[in-house]
Amino acid sequence: MDHASWRKVLAINLDGVFNCTKAFIDQMLKQGYGRVVNMTSVIGQIGNFGQANYAASKAGVAAFTKSLAKELAGKGITVNAIAPGFIETEMVQAIPDKVKEKLLGQIPLKRFGTAEEVARAVCYLVSTDGDYITGAELSINGGLLM
């Protein structure tokens, strides 16, 4: 992997989370309330061949989430992350069928997740039902990592 490929993925996945958080956190602090939900990935938890940059960036988002949760918990702001596994998206649809079959063989639920399942988890974390959850990384991966 060349340096440019490394930096591009880190800039998008890790710097992007920092920049987005920075844009909203002052207002959350002023109002004494807020919810931050970051997207990590099962790949940040288990690694993957040929994706050292992606895995490192998503693991970095997980660590950023935990650190920020500790900093902001006493200020009425919760900070959590969701770590999706393989979700039915255009990216997953583009994976060759043989590779998809192999992946499905590793997922105990024997299917890919849906965007709606990930969205419902976000809704839970930002609702009052998620008031006592901060610093968590919720895995939505069909049992791929447990």
C-alpha atoms as a PDB file:
ATOM      1  CA  MET A   1       0.000   0.000   0.000  1.00  0.00           C
ATOM      2  CA  ASP A   2       1.360   3.396  -0.866  1.00  0.00           C
ATOM      3  CA  HIS A   3       1.278   6.395   1.446  1.00  0.00           C
ATOM      4  CA  ALA A   4      -1.382   8.182  -0.623  1.00  0.00           C
ATOM      5  CA  SER A   5      -3.808   5.254  -0.316  1.00  0.00           C
ATOM      6  CA  TRP A   6      -3.188   5.091   3.427  1.00  0.00           C
ATOM      7  CA  ARG A   7      -3.766   8.831   3.926  1.00  0.00           C
ATOM      8  CA  LYS A   8      -6.858   9.003   1.699  1.00  0.00           C
ATOM      9  CA  VAL A   9      -8.757   6.396   3.721  1.00  0.00           C
ATOM     10  CA  LEU A  10      -7.613   7.839   7.059  1.00  0.00           C
ATOM     11  CA  ALA A  11      -8.610  11.334   5.913  1.00  0.00           C
ATOM     12  CA  ILE A  12     -12.103  10.226   4.922  1.00  0.00           C
ATOM     13  CA  ASN A  13     -12.888   7.788   7.736  1.00  0.00           C
ATOM     14  CA  LEU A  14     -11.042   9.218  10.721  1.00  0.00           C
ATOM     15  CA  ASP A  15     -10.430  12.886   9.969  1.00  0.00           C
ATOM     16  CA  GLY A  16     -13.980  13.101   8.604  1.00  0.00           C
ATOM     17  CA  VAL A  17     -15.451  11.912  11.913  1.00  0.00           C
ATOM     18  CA  PHE A  18     -13.340  14.429  13.822  1.00  0.00           C
ATOM     19  CA  ASN A  19     -14.310  17.284  11.492  1.00  0.00           C
ATOM     20  CA  CYS A  20     -18.016  16.455  11.596  1.00  0.00           C
ATOM     21  CA  THR A  21     -17.991  16.162  15.379  1.00  0.00           C
ATOM     22  CA  LYS A  22     -16.109  19.447  15.690  1.00  0.00           C
ATOM     23  CA  ALA A  23     -18.784  21.179  13.599  1.00  0.00           C
ATOM     24  CA  PHE A  24     -21.602  20.238  16.002  1.00  0.00           C
ATOM     25  CA  ILE A  25     -20.096  19.754  19.448  1.00  0.00           C
ATOM     26  CA  ASP A  26     -20.033  23.422  20.519  1.00  0.00           C
ATOM     27  CA  GLN A  27     -23.803  23.718  20.069  1.00  0.00           C
ATOM     28  CA  MET A  28     -24.345  20.485  21.997  1.00  0.00           C
ATOM     29  CA  LEU A  29     -22.188  21.824  24.821  1.00  0.00           C
ATOM     30  CA  LYS A  30     -24.130  25.106  24.890  1.00  0.00           C
ATOM     31  CA  GLN A  31     -27.462  23.298  25.157  1.00  0.00           C
ATOM     32  CA  GLY A  32     -26.133  20.726  27.629  1.00  0.00           C
ATOM     33  CA  TYR A  33     -27.449  17.848  25.568  1.00  0.00           C
ATOM     34  CA  GLY A  34     -26.493  15.889  22.501  1.00  0.00           C
ATOM     35  CA  ARG A  35     -26.094  12.558  20.809  1.00  0.00           C
ATOM     36  CA  VAL A  36     -23.143  11.494  18.680  1.00  0.00           C
ATOM     37  CA  VAL A  37     -23.258   8.197  16.802  1.00  0.00           C
ATOM     38  CA  ASN A  38     -20.198   7.254  14.768  1.00  0.00           C
ATOM     39  CA  MET A  39     -19.906   4.459  12.224  1.00  0.00           C
ATOM     40  CA  THR A  40     -17.082   2.016  12.729  1.00  0.00           C
ATOM     41  CA  SER A  41     -16.994  -1.430  11.113  1.00  0.00           C
ATOM     42  CA  VAL A  42     -16.566  -5.083  11.913  1.00  0.00           C
ATOM     43  CA  ILE A  43     -13.351  -4.771   9.880  1.00  0.00           C
ATOM     44  CA  GLY A  44     -12.042  -2.317  12.487  1.00  0.00           C
ATOM     45  CA  GLN A  45     -12.648  -5.040  15.076  1.00  0.00           C
ATOM     46  CA  ILE A  46     -11.220  -8.054  13.214  1.00  0.00           C
ATOM     47  CA  GLY A  47      -9.017  -6.633  10.447  1.00  0.00           C
ATOM     48  CA  ASN A  48      -9.091  -7.806   6.845  1.00  0.00           C
ATOM     49  CA  PHE A  49      -6.554  -8.768   4.218  1.00  0.00           C
ATOM     50  CA  GLY A  50      -5.668  -5.811   2.010  1.00  0.00           C
ATOM     51  CA  GLN A  51      -7.571  -3.328   4.180  1.00  0.00           C
ATOM     52  CA  ALA A  52      -5.031  -2.215   6.776  1.00  0.00           C
ATOM     53  CA  ASN A  53      -5.882   1.437   6.121  1.00  0.00           C
ATOM     54  CA  TYR A  54      -9.649   0.858   6.408  1.00  0.00           C
ATOM     55  CA  ALA A  55      -9.316  -1.339   9.519  1.00  0.00           C
ATOM     56  CA  ALA A  56      -7.002   1.168  11.203  1.00  0.00           C
ATOM     57  CA  SER A  57      -9.316   4.070  10.399  1.00  0.00           C
ATOM     58  CA  LYS A  58     -12.386   2.314  11.798  1.00  0.00           C
ATOM     59  CA  ALA A  59     -10.525   1.149  14.917  1.00  0.00           C
ATOM     60  CA  GLY A  60      -9.444   4.762  15.322  1.00  0.00           C
ATOM     61  CA  VAL A  61     -13.072   5.885  15.172  1.00  0.00           C
ATOM     62  CA  ALA A  62     -13.894   3.382  17.927  1.00  0.00           C
ATOM     63  CA  ALA A  63     -11.124   4.762  20.151  1.00  0.00           C
ATOM     64  CA  PHE A  64     -12.151   8.347  19.340  1.00  0.00           C
ATOM     65  CA  THR A  65     -15.730   7.456  20.320  1.00  0.00           C
ATOM     66  CA  LYS A  66     -14.691   6.049  23.694  1.00  0.00           C
ATOM     67  CA  SER A  67     -12.425   8.991  24.479  1.00  0.00           C
ATOM     68  CA  LEU A  68     -15.019  11.570  23.503  1.00  0.00           C
ATOM     69  CA  ALA A  69     -17.681   9.694  25.515  1.00  0.00           C
ATOM     70  CA  LYS A  70     -15.529  10.037  28.626  1.00  0.00           C
ATOM     71  CA  GLU A  71     -14.917  13.731  27.964  1.00  0.00           C
ATOM     72  CA  LEU A  72     -18.569  14.604  27.355  1.00  0.00           C
ATOM     73  CA  ALA A  73     -20.552  12.267  29.616  1.00  0.00           C
ATOM     74  CA  GLY A  74     -20.782  14.815  32.421  1.00  0.00           C
ATOM     75  CA  LYS A  75     -22.024  17.443  29.984  1.00  0.00           C
ATOM     76  CA  GLY A  76     -25.218  15.674  28.894  1.00  0.00           C
ATOM     77  CA  ILE A  77     -23.784  14.295  25.665  1.00  0.00           C
ATOM     78  CA  THR A  78     -23.599  10.607  24.824  1.00  0.00           C
ATOM     79  CA  VAL A  79     -21.148   9.317  22.244  1.00  0.00           C
ATOM     80  CA  ASN A  80     -21.515   5.843  20.773  1.00  0.00           C
ATOM     81  CA  ALA A  81     -20.536   3.909  17.687  1.00  0.00           C
ATOM     82  CA  ILE A  82     -22.157   1.306  15.516  1.00  0.00           C
ATOM     83  CA  ALA A  83     -19.998  -1.358  13.912  1.00  0.00           C
ATOM     84  CA  PRO A  84     -21.894  -2.826  10.978  1.00  0.00           C
ATOM     85  CA  GLY A  85     -20.822  -6.064   9.404  1.00  0.00           C
ATOM     86  CA  PHE A  86     -21.655  -6.828   5.802  1.00  0.00           C
ATOM     87  CA  ILE A  87     -24.764  -4.838   4.890  1.00  0.00           C
ATOM     88  CA  GLU A  88     -26.791  -5.168   1.671  1.00  0.00           C
ATOM     89  CA  THR A  89     -25.436  -2.149  -0.166  1.00  0.00           C
ATOM     90  CA  GLU A  90     -24.130  -1.494  -3.657  1.00  0.00           C
ATOM     91  CA  MET A  91     -20.631  -2.164  -2.314  1.00  0.00           C
ATOM     92  CA  VAL A  92     -21.576  -5.617  -1.003  1.00  0.00           C
ATOM     93  CA  GLN A  93     -23.585  -6.388  -4.136  1.00  0.00           C
ATOM     94  CA  ALA A  94     -20.419  -5.756  -6.168  1.00  0.00           C
ATOM     95  CA  ILE A  95     -18.526  -8.496  -4.291  1.00  0.00           C
ATOM     96  CA  PRO A  96     -18.070 -11.590  -6.485  1.00  0.00           C
ATOM     97  CA  ASP A  97     -20.637 -14.321  -5.778  1.00  0.00           C
ATOM     98  CA  LYS A  98     -17.997 -16.833  -4.608  1.00  0.00           C
ATOM     99  CA  VAL A  99     -16.703 -14.350  -2.041  1.00  0.00           C
ATOM    100  CA  LYS A 100     -20.240 -13.533  -0.880  1.00  0.00           C
ATOM    101  CA  GLU A 101     -20.955 -17.238  -0.396  1.00  0.00           C
ATOM    102  CA  LYS A 102     -17.798 -17.566   1.704  1.00  0.00           C
ATOM    103  CA  LEU A 103     -18.770 -14.531   3.790  1.00  0.00           C
ATOM    104  CA  LEU A 104     -22.299 -15.852   4.351  1.00  0.00           C
ATOM    105  CA  GLY A 105     -20.752 -19.110   5.542  1.00  0.00           C
ATOM    106  CA  GLN A 106     -19.014 -17.158   8.323  1.00  0.00           C
ATOM    107  CA  ILE A 107     -22.128 -15.285   9.448  1.00  0.00           C
ATOM    108  CA  PRO A 108     -24.230 -17.345  11.895  1.00  0.00           C
ATOM    109  CA  LEU A 109     -27.480 -15.664  10.757  1.00  0.00           C
ATOM    110  CA  LYS A 110     -26.580 -16.689   7.152  1.00  0.00           C
ATOM    111  CA  ARG A 111     -27.538 -13.346   5.618  1.00  0.00           C
ATOM    112  CA  PHE A 112     -26.243  -9.847   5.160  1.00  0.00           C
ATOM    113  CA  GLY A 113     -27.750  -7.065   7.233  1.00  0.00           C
ATOM    114  CA  THR A 114     -29.916  -4.258   5.942  1.00  0.00           C
ATOM    115  CA  ALA A 115     -29.490  -0.508   6.073  1.00  0.00           C
ATOM    116  CA  GLU A 116     -32.799  -0.373   7.953  1.00  0.00           C
ATOM    117  CA  GLU A 117     -31.385  -2.564  10.734  1.00  0.00           C
ATOM    118  CA  VAL A 118     -28.448  -0.201  11.135  1.00  0.00           C
ATOM    119  CA  ALA A 119     -30.769   2.829  11.051  1.00  0.00           C
ATOM    120  CA  ARG A 120     -32.964   1.349  13.805  1.00  0.00           C
ATOM    121  CA  ALA A 121     -29.901   1.026  16.035  1.00  0.00           C
ATOM    122  CA  VAL A 122     -29.031   4.680  15.414  1.00  0.00           C
ATOM    123  CA  CYS A 123     -32.608   5.669  16.270  1.00  0.00           C
ATOM    124  CA  TYR A 124     -32.376   3.718  19.520  1.00  0.00           C
ATOM    125  CA  LEU A 125     -29.104   5.362  20.551  1.00  0.00           C
ATOM    126  CA  VAL A 126     -30.338   8.886  19.852  1.00  0.00           C
ATOM    127  CA  SER A 127     -33.702   8.343  21.562  1.00  0.00           C
ATOM    128  CA  THR A 128     -34.402   8.629  25.268  1.00  0.00           C
ATOM    129  CA  ASP A 129     -34.249   4.815  25.356  1.00  0.00           C
ATOM    130  CA  GLY A 130     -30.480   5.221  24.889  1.00  0.00           C
ATOM    131  CA  ASP A 131     -30.008   7.762  27.683  1.00  0.00           C
ATOM    132  CA  TYR A 132     -27.765   5.491  29.768  1.00  0.00           C
ATOM    133  CA  ILE A 133     -25.560   4.280  26.929  1.00  0.00           C
ATOM    134  CA  THR A 134     -22.299   6.041  26.185  1.00  0.00           C
ATOM    135  CA  GLY A 135     -18.914   4.841  24.981  1.00  0.00           C
ATOM    136  CA  ALA A 136     -20.460   1.727  23.446  1.00  0.00           C
ATOM    137  CA  GLU A 137     -19.681   0.147  20.110  1.00  0.00           C
ATOM    138  CA  LEU A 138     -22.775  -1.732  19.016  1.00  0.00           C
ATOM    139  CA  SER A 139     -21.993  -4.614  16.657  1.00  0.00           C
ATOM    140  CA  ILE A 140     -24.588  -5.284  13.977  1.00  0.00           C
ATOM    141  CA  ASN A 141     -23.065  -8.168  12.099  1.00  0.00           C
ATOM    142  CA  GLY A 142     -25.291 -11.235  12.235  1.00  0.00           C
ATOM    143  CA  GLY A 143     -22.901 -12.902  14.667  1.00  0.00           C
ATOM    144  CA  LEU A 144     -19.800 -12.607  12.464  1.00  0.00           C
ATOM    145  CA  LEU A 145     -17.951 -11.259  15.506  1.00  0.00           C
ATOM    146  CA  MET A 146     -18.999 -12.381  18.953  1.00  0.00           C
END
